[in-house]
Amino acid sequence: QRAYEEADRRGILILTEVPINSLVADT
């Protein structure tokens, strides 16, 4: 949360994501 709070107070736009990376499972 500190990363998002720093971005809020400094005015930095943020992209954030879930760890769906490289591979997925069809289950």
PDB file of all heavy atoms in Angstrom:
ATOM      1  N   GLN A   1       0.811  -1.212   0.000  1.00  0.00           N
ATOM      2  CA  GLN A   1       0.000   0.000   0.000  1.00  0.00           C
ATOM      3  C   GLN A   1       0.848   1.268   0.000  1.00  0.00           C
ATOM      4  O   GLN A   1       0.438   2.287  -0.554  1.00  0.00           O
ATOM      5  CB  GLN A   1      -0.947  -0.009   1.196  1.00  0.00           C
ATOM      6  CG  GLN A   1      -2.205  -0.835   0.968  1.00  0.00           C
ATOM      7  CD  GLN A   1      -3.021  -0.340  -0.207  1.00  0.00           C
ATOM      8  OE1 GLN A   1      -3.410   0.833  -0.266  1.00  0.00           O
ATOM      9  NE2 GLN A   1      -3.279  -1.225  -1.165  1.00  0.00           N
ATOM     10  N   ARG A   2       2.031   1.225   0.594  1.00  0.00           N
ATOM     11  CA  ARG A   2       2.867   2.428   0.621  1.00  0.00           C
ATOM     12  C   ARG A   2       3.182   2.913  -0.800  1.00  0.00           C
ATOM     13  O   ARG A   2       3.259   4.123  -1.037  1.00  0.00           O
ATOM     14  CB  ARG A   2       4.159   2.158   1.394  1.00  0.00           C
ATOM     15  CG  ARG A   2       5.160   3.318   1.411  1.00  0.00           C
ATOM     16  CD  ARG A   2       4.596   4.600   1.999  1.00  0.00           C
ATOM     17  NE  ARG A   2       4.327   4.493   3.408  1.00  0.00           N
ATOM     18  CZ  ARG A   2       5.195   4.819   4.369  1.00  0.00           C
ATOM     19  NH1 ARG A   2       6.406   5.266   4.055  1.00  0.00           N
ATOM     20  NH2 ARG A   2       4.849   4.713   5.628  1.00  0.00           N
ATOM     21  N   ALA A   3       3.336   2.006  -1.755  1.00  0.00           N
ATOM     22  CA  ALA A   3       3.643   2.417  -3.128  1.00  0.00           C
ATOM     23  C   ALA A   3       2.497   3.241  -3.714  1.00  0.00           C
ATOM     24  O   ALA A   3       2.720   4.288  -4.344  1.00  0.00           O
ATOM     25  CB  ALA A   3       3.916   1.190  -3.994  1.00  0.00           C
ATOM     26  N   TYR A   4       1.263   2.804  -3.523  1.00  0.00           N
ATOM     27  CA  TYR A   4       0.109   3.538  -4.047  1.00  0.00           C
ATOM     28  C   TYR A   4      -0.060   4.864  -3.313  1.00  0.00           C
ATOM     29  O   TYR A   4      -0.414   5.885  -3.931  1.00  0.00           O
ATOM     30  CB  TYR A   4      -1.155   2.687  -3.902  1.00  0.00           C
ATOM     31  CG  TYR A   4      -1.087   1.354  -4.601  1.00  0.00           C
ATOM     32  CD1 TYR A   4      -0.685   0.205  -3.920  1.00  0.00           C
ATOM     33  CD2 TYR A   4      -1.424   1.227  -5.949  1.00  0.00           C
ATOM     34  CE1 TYR A   4      -0.620  -1.024  -4.558  1.00  0.00           C
ATOM     35  CE2 TYR A   4      -1.359  -0.011  -6.591  1.00  0.00           C
ATOM     36  CZ  TYR A   4      -0.950  -1.128  -5.888  1.00  0.00           C
ATOM     37  OH  TYR A   4      -0.882  -2.349  -6.523  1.00  0.00           O
ATOM     38  N   GLU A   5       0.191   4.871  -2.020  1.00  0.00           N
ATOM     39  CA  GLU A   5       0.081   6.106  -1.251  1.00  0.00           C
ATOM     40  C   GLU A   5       1.113   7.129  -1.710  1.00  0.00           C
ATOM     41  O   GLU A   5       0.806   8.338  -1.810  1.00  0.00           O
ATOM     42  CB  GLU A   5       0.259   5.803   0.231  1.00  0.00           C
ATOM     43  CG  GLU A   5      -0.865   4.976   0.836  1.00  0.00           C
ATOM     44  CD  GLU A   5      -0.519   4.351   2.178  1.00  0.00           C
ATOM     45  OE1 GLU A   5       0.632   4.542   2.642  1.00  0.00           O
ATOM     46  OE2 GLU A   5      -1.380   3.661   2.749  1.00  0.00           O
ATOM     47  N   GLU A   6       2.332   6.680  -1.982  1.00  0.00           N
ATOM     48  CA  GLU A   6       3.357   7.595  -2.486  1.00  0.00           C
ATOM     49  C   GLU A   6       2.940   8.178  -3.835  1.00  0.00           C
ATOM     50  O   GLU A   6       3.122   9.371  -4.096  1.00  0.00           O
ATOM     51  CB  GLU A   6       4.696   6.868  -2.618  1.00  0.00           C
ATOM     52  CG  GLU A   6       5.359   6.513  -1.298  1.00  0.00           C
ATOM     53  CD  GLU A   6       5.931   7.717  -0.574  1.00  0.00           C
ATOM     54  OE1 GLU A   6       5.906   8.834  -1.121  1.00  0.00           O
ATOM     55  OE2 GLU A   6       6.409   7.534   0.564  1.00  0.00           O
ATOM     56  N   ALA A   7       2.393   7.335  -4.689  1.00  0.00           N
ATOM     57  CA  ALA A   7       1.949   7.817  -6.005  1.00  0.00           C
ATOM     58  C   ALA A   7       0.818   8.827  -5.862  1.00  0.00           C
ATOM     59  O   ALA A   7       0.792   9.852  -6.556  1.00  0.00           O
ATOM     60  CB  ALA A   7       1.513   6.639  -6.866  1.00  0.00           C
ATOM     61  N   ASP A   8      -0.127   8.565  -4.961  1.00  0.00           N
ATOM     62  CA  ASP A   8      -1.237   9.497  -4.739  1.00  0.00           C
ATOM     63  C   ASP A   8      -0.732  10.877  -4.358  1.00  0.00           C
ATOM     64  O   ASP A   8      -1.141  11.892  -4.928  1.00  0.00           O
ATOM     65  CB  ASP A   8      -2.143   8.979  -3.613  1.00  0.00           C
ATOM     66  CG  ASP A   8      -3.011   7.804  -4.010  1.00  0.00           C
ATOM     67  OD1 ASP A   8      -3.142   7.533  -5.224  1.00  0.00           O
ATOM     68  OD2 ASP A   8      -3.561   7.151  -3.105  1.00  0.00           O
ATOM     69  N   ARG A   9       0.150  10.914  -3.371  1.00  0.00           N
ATOM     70  CA  ARG A   9       0.555  12.215  -2.832  1.00  0.00           C
ATOM     71  C   ARG A   9       1.540  12.944  -3.735  1.00  0.00           C
ATOM     72  O   ARG A   9       1.664  14.171  -3.659  1.00  0.00           O
ATOM     73  CB  ARG A   9       1.121  12.058  -1.421  1.00  0.00           C
ATOM     74  CG  ARG A   9       2.489  11.456  -1.317  1.00  0.00           C
ATOM     75  CD  ARG A   9       2.971  11.428   0.137  1.00  0.00           C
ATOM     76  NE  ARG A   9       4.341  10.969   0.292  1.00  0.00           N
ATOM     77  CZ  ARG A   9       5.400  11.750   0.157  1.00  0.00           C
ATOM     78  NH1 ARG A   9       5.247  13.025  -0.141  1.00  0.00           N
ATOM     79  NH2 ARG A   9       6.619  11.256   0.311  1.00  0.00           N
ATOM     80  N   ARG A  10       2.226  12.211  -4.614  1.00  0.00           N
ATOM     81  CA  ARG A  10       3.178  12.844  -5.523  1.00  0.00           C
ATOM     82  C   ARG A  10       2.560  13.151  -6.886  1.00  0.00           C
ATOM     83  O   ARG A  10       3.190  13.816  -7.713  1.00  0.00           O
ATOM     84  CB  ARG A  10       4.394  11.936  -5.721  1.00  0.00           C
ATOM     85  CG  ARG A  10       5.210  11.667  -4.460  1.00  0.00           C
ATOM     86  CD  ARG A  10       6.260  10.607  -4.712  1.00  0.00           C
ATOM     87  NE  ARG A  10       6.910  10.110  -3.514  1.00  0.00           N
ATOM     88  CZ  ARG A  10       8.094  10.518  -3.063  1.00  0.00           C
ATOM     89  NH1 ARG A  10       8.757  11.437  -3.735  1.00  0.00           N
ATOM     90  NH2 ARG A  10       8.619   9.997  -1.973  1.00  0.00           N
ATOM     91  N   GLY A  11       1.376  12.626  -7.163  1.00  0.00           N
ATOM     92  CA  GLY A  11       0.725  12.884  -8.447  1.00  0.00           C
ATOM     93  C   GLY A  11       1.238  12.025  -9.577  1.00  0.00           C
ATOM     94  O   GLY A  11       1.248  12.454 -10.735  1.00  0.00           O
ATOM     95  N   ILE A  12       1.654  10.802  -9.274  1.00  0.00           N
ATOM     96  CA  ILE A  12       2.183   9.884 -10.291  1.00  0.00           C
ATOM     97  C   ILE A  12       1.091   8.911 -10.713  1.00  0.00           C
ATOM     98  O   ILE A  12       0.474   8.256  -9.871  1.00  0.00           O
ATOM     99  CB  ILE A  12       3.399   9.113  -9.740  1.00  0.00           C
ATOM    100  CG1 ILE A  12       4.521  10.091  -9.398  1.00  0.00           C
ATOM    101  CG2 ILE A  12       3.881   8.071 -10.733  1.00  0.00           C
ATOM    102  CD1 ILE A  12       5.695   9.437  -8.679  1.00  0.00           C
ATOM    103  N   LEU A  13       0.836   8.814 -12.005  1.00  0.00           N
ATOM    104  CA  LEU A  13      -0.169   7.889 -12.520  1.00  0.00           C
ATOM    105  C   LEU A  13       0.355   6.461 -12.443  1.00  0.00           C
ATOM    106  O   LEU A  13       1.527   6.198 -12.727  1.00  0.00           O
ATOM    107  CB  LEU A  13      -0.542   8.240 -13.956  1.00  0.00           C
ATOM    108  CG  LEU A  13      -1.083   9.659 -14.194  1.00  0.00           C
ATOM    109  CD1 LEU A  13      -1.466   9.839 -15.649  1.00  0.00           C
ATOM    110  CD2 LEU A  13      -2.265   9.959 -13.294  1.00  0.00           C
ATOM    111  N   ILE A  14      -0.545   5.531 -12.103  1.00  0.00           N
ATOM    112  CA  ILE A  14      -0.150   4.156 -11.822  1.00  0.00           C
ATOM    113  C   ILE A  14      -0.925   3.166 -12.684  1.00  0.00           C
ATOM    114  O   ILE A  14      -2.145   3.264 -12.819  1.00  0.00           O
ATOM    115  CB  ILE A  14      -0.388   3.823 -10.330  1.00  0.00           C
ATOM    116  CG1 ILE A  14       0.591   4.580  -9.440  1.00  0.00           C
ATOM    117  CG2 ILE A  14      -0.290   2.317 -10.067  1.00  0.00           C
ATOM    118  CD1 ILE A  14       2.038   4.135  -9.570  1.00  0.00           C
ATOM    119  N   LEU A  15      -0.187   2.207 -13.256  1.00  0.00           N
ATOM    120  CA  LEU A  15      -0.770   0.975 -13.767  1.00  0.00           C
ATOM    121  C   LEU A  15      -0.449  -0.122 -12.759  1.00  0.00           C
ATOM    122  O   LEU A  15       0.681  -0.220 -12.276  1.00  0.00           O
ATOM    123  CB  LEU A  15      -0.185   0.599 -15.129  1.00  0.00           C
ATOM    124  CG  LEU A  15      -0.484   1.521 -16.308  1.00  0.00           C
ATOM    125  CD1 LEU A  15       0.217   1.010 -17.564  1.00  0.00           C
ATOM    126  CD2 LEU A  15      -1.981   1.633 -16.553  1.00  0.00           C
ATOM    127  N   THR A  16      -1.420  -0.940 -12.450  1.00  0.00           N
ATOM    128  CA  THR A  16      -1.204  -2.034 -11.498  1.00  0.00           C
ATOM    129  C   THR A  16      -1.907  -3.274 -12.019  1.00  0.00           C
ATOM    130  O   THR A  16      -2.913  -3.171 -12.722  1.00  0.00           O
ATOM    131  CB  THR A  16      -1.708  -1.644 -10.090  1.00  0.00           C
ATOM    132  OG1 THR A  16      -1.367  -2.666  -9.157  1.00  0.00           O
ATOM    133  CG2 THR A  16      -3.203  -1.404 -10.066  1.00  0.00           C
ATOM    134  N   GLU A  17      -1.390  -4.451 -11.687  1.00  0.00           N
ATOM    135  CA  GLU A  17      -1.875  -5.658 -12.349  1.00  0.00           C
ATOM    136  C   GLU A  17      -1.807  -6.872 -11.444  1.00  0.00           C
ATOM    137  O   GLU A  17      -1.089  -6.890 -10.438  1.00  0.00           O
ATOM    138  CB  GLU A  17      -1.059  -5.919 -13.619  1.00  0.00           C
ATOM    139  CG  GLU A  17       0.417  -6.136 -13.373  1.00  0.00           C
ATOM    140  CD  GLU A  17       1.266  -6.020 -14.637  1.00  0.00           C
ATOM    141  OE1 GLU A  17       0.924  -5.193 -15.514  1.00  0.00           O
ATOM    142  OE2 GLU A  17       2.262  -6.755 -14.740  1.00  0.00           O
ATOM    143  N   VAL A  18      -2.577  -7.887 -11.840  1.00  0.00           N
ATOM    144  CA  VAL A  18      -2.519  -9.180 -11.168  1.00  0.00           C
ATOM    145  C   VAL A  18      -1.419 -10.014 -11.808  1.00  0.00           C
ATOM    146  O   VAL A  18      -1.007  -9.763 -12.948  1.00  0.00           O
ATOM    147  CB  VAL A  18      -3.870  -9.913 -11.252  1.00  0.00           C
ATOM    148  CG1 VAL A  18      -4.915  -9.186 -10.422  1.00  0.00           C
ATOM    149  CG2 VAL A  18      -4.335 -10.070 -12.692  1.00  0.00           C
ATOM    150  N   PRO A  19      -0.925 -11.058 -11.094  1.00  0.00           N
ATOM    151  CA  PRO A  19       0.227 -11.817 -11.604  1.00  0.00           C
ATOM    152  C   PRO A  19      -0.131 -12.902 -12.618  1.00  0.00           C
ATOM    153  O   PRO A  19       0.371 -14.028 -12.539  1.00  0.00           O
ATOM    154  CB  PRO A  19       0.822 -12.407 -10.323  1.00  0.00           C
ATOM    155  CG  PRO A  19      -0.329 -12.575  -9.406  1.00  0.00           C
ATOM    156  CD  PRO A  19      -1.235 -11.408  -9.687  1.00  0.00           C
ATOM    157  N   ILE A  20      -0.974 -12.588 -13.568  1.00  0.00           N
ATOM    158  CA  ILE A  20      -1.218 -13.496 -14.692  1.00  0.00           C
ATOM    159  C   ILE A  20      -0.068 -13.272 -15.659  1.00  0.00           C
ATOM    160  O   ILE A  20      -0.056 -12.304 -16.429  1.00  0.00           O
ATOM    161  CB  ILE A  20      -2.569 -13.208 -15.366  1.00  0.00           C
ATOM    162  CG1 ILE A  20      -3.700 -13.283 -14.340  1.00  0.00           C
ATOM    163  CG2 ILE A  20      -2.804 -14.183 -16.516  1.00  0.00           C
ATOM    164  CD1 ILE A  20      -3.873 -14.625 -13.691  1.00  0.00           C
ATOM    165  N   ASN A  21       0.920 -14.148 -15.610  1.00  0.00           N
ATOM    166  CA  ASN A  21       2.182 -13.875 -16.288  1.00  0.00           C
ATOM    167  C   ASN A  21       2.732 -15.140 -16.911  1.00  0.00           C
ATOM    168  O   ASN A  21       2.832 -16.182 -16.251  1.00  0.00           O
ATOM    169  CB  ASN A  21       3.183 -13.306 -15.264  1.00  0.00           C
ATOM    170  CG  ASN A  21       4.368 -12.652 -15.907  1.00  0.00           C
ATOM    171  OD1 ASN A  21       5.259 -13.321 -16.427  1.00  0.00           O
ATOM    172  ND2 ASN A  21       4.399 -11.337 -15.873  1.00  0.00           N
ATOM    173  N   SER A  22       3.055 -15.077 -18.182  1.00  0.00           N
ATOM    174  CA  SER A  22       3.737 -16.152 -18.921  1.00  0.00           C
ATOM    175  C   SER A  22       2.832 -17.346 -19.209  1.00  0.00           C
ATOM    176  O   SER A  22       2.700 -17.769 -20.357  1.00  0.00           O
ATOM    177  CB  SER A  22       4.986 -16.647 -18.179  1.00  0.00           C
ATOM    178  OG  SER A  22       5.898 -15.616 -17.999  1.00  0.00           O
ATOM    179  N   LEU A  23       2.230 -17.908 -18.153  1.00  0.00           N
ATOM    180  CA  LEU A  23       1.463 -19.141 -18.304  1.00  0.00           C
ATOM    181  C   LEU A  23       0.119 -19.017 -17.603  1.00  0.00           C
ATOM    182  O   LEU A  23      -0.008 -18.311 -16.600  1.00  0.00           O
ATOM    183  CB  LEU A  23       2.223 -20.327 -17.693  1.00  0.00           C
ATOM    184  CG  LEU A  23       3.627 -20.614 -18.226  1.00  0.00           C
ATOM    185  CD1 LEU A  23       4.322 -21.641 -17.335  1.00  0.00           C
ATOM    186  CD2 LEU A  23       3.560 -21.117 -19.663  1.00  0.00           C
ATOM    187  N   VAL A  24      -0.881 -19.725 -18.132  1.00  0.00           N
ATOM    188  CA  VAL A  24      -2.160 -19.883 -17.450  1.00  0.00           C
ATOM    189  C   VAL A  24      -2.546 -21.354 -17.514  1.00  0.00           C
ATOM    190  O   VAL A  24      -2.036 -22.114 -18.350  1.00  0.00           O
ATOM    191  CB  VAL A  24      -3.276 -19.016 -18.075  1.00  0.00           C
ATOM    192  CG1 VAL A  24      -2.950 -17.542 -17.926  1.00  0.00           C
ATOM    193  CG2 VAL A  24      -3.496 -19.375 -19.536  1.00  0.00           C
ATOM    194  N   ALA A  25      -3.433 -21.762 -16.636  1.00  0.00           N
ATOM    195  CA  ALA A  25      -3.907 -23.149 -16.616  1.00  0.00           C
ATOM    196  C   ALA A  25      -5.387 -23.173 -16.966  1.00  0.00           C
ATOM    197  O   ALA A  25      -6.174 -22.389 -16.415  1.00  0.00           O
ATOM    198  CB  ALA A  25      -3.681 -23.773 -15.245  1.00  0.00           C
ATOM    199  N   ASP A  26      -5.748 -24.072 -17.849  1.00  0.00           N
ATOM    200  CA  ASP A  26      -7.140 -24.173 -18.281  1.00  0.00           C
ATOM    201  C   ASP A  26      -7.919 -25.057 -17.311  1.00  0.00           C
ATOM    202  O   ASP A  26      -8.410 -26.128 -17.669  1.00  0.00           O
ATOM    203  CB  ASP A  26      -7.199 -24.733 -19.707  1.00  0.00           C
ATOM    204  CG  ASP A  26      -8.596 -24.645 -20.299  1.00  0.00           C
ATOM    205  OD1 ASP A  26      -9.431 -23.891 -19.748  1.00  0.00           O
ATOM    206  OD2 ASP A  26      -8.855 -25.323 -21.317  1.00  0.00           O
ATOM    207  N   THR A  27      -8.000 -24.582 -16.057  1.00  0.00           N
ATOM    208  CA  THR A  27      -8.737 -25.310 -15.033  1.00  0.00           C
ATOM    209  C   THR A  27      -9.659 -24.351 -14.298  1.00  0.00           C
ATOM    210  O   THR A  27      -9.406 -23.139 -14.243  1.00  0.00           O
ATOM    211  CB  THR A  27      -7.790 -25.945 -14.003  1.00  0.00           C
ATOM    212  OG1 THR A  27      -7.105 -24.910 -13.277  1.00  0.00           O
ATOM    213  CG2 THR A  27      -6.764 -26.849 -14.684  1.00  0.00           C
TER     214      THR A  27
END
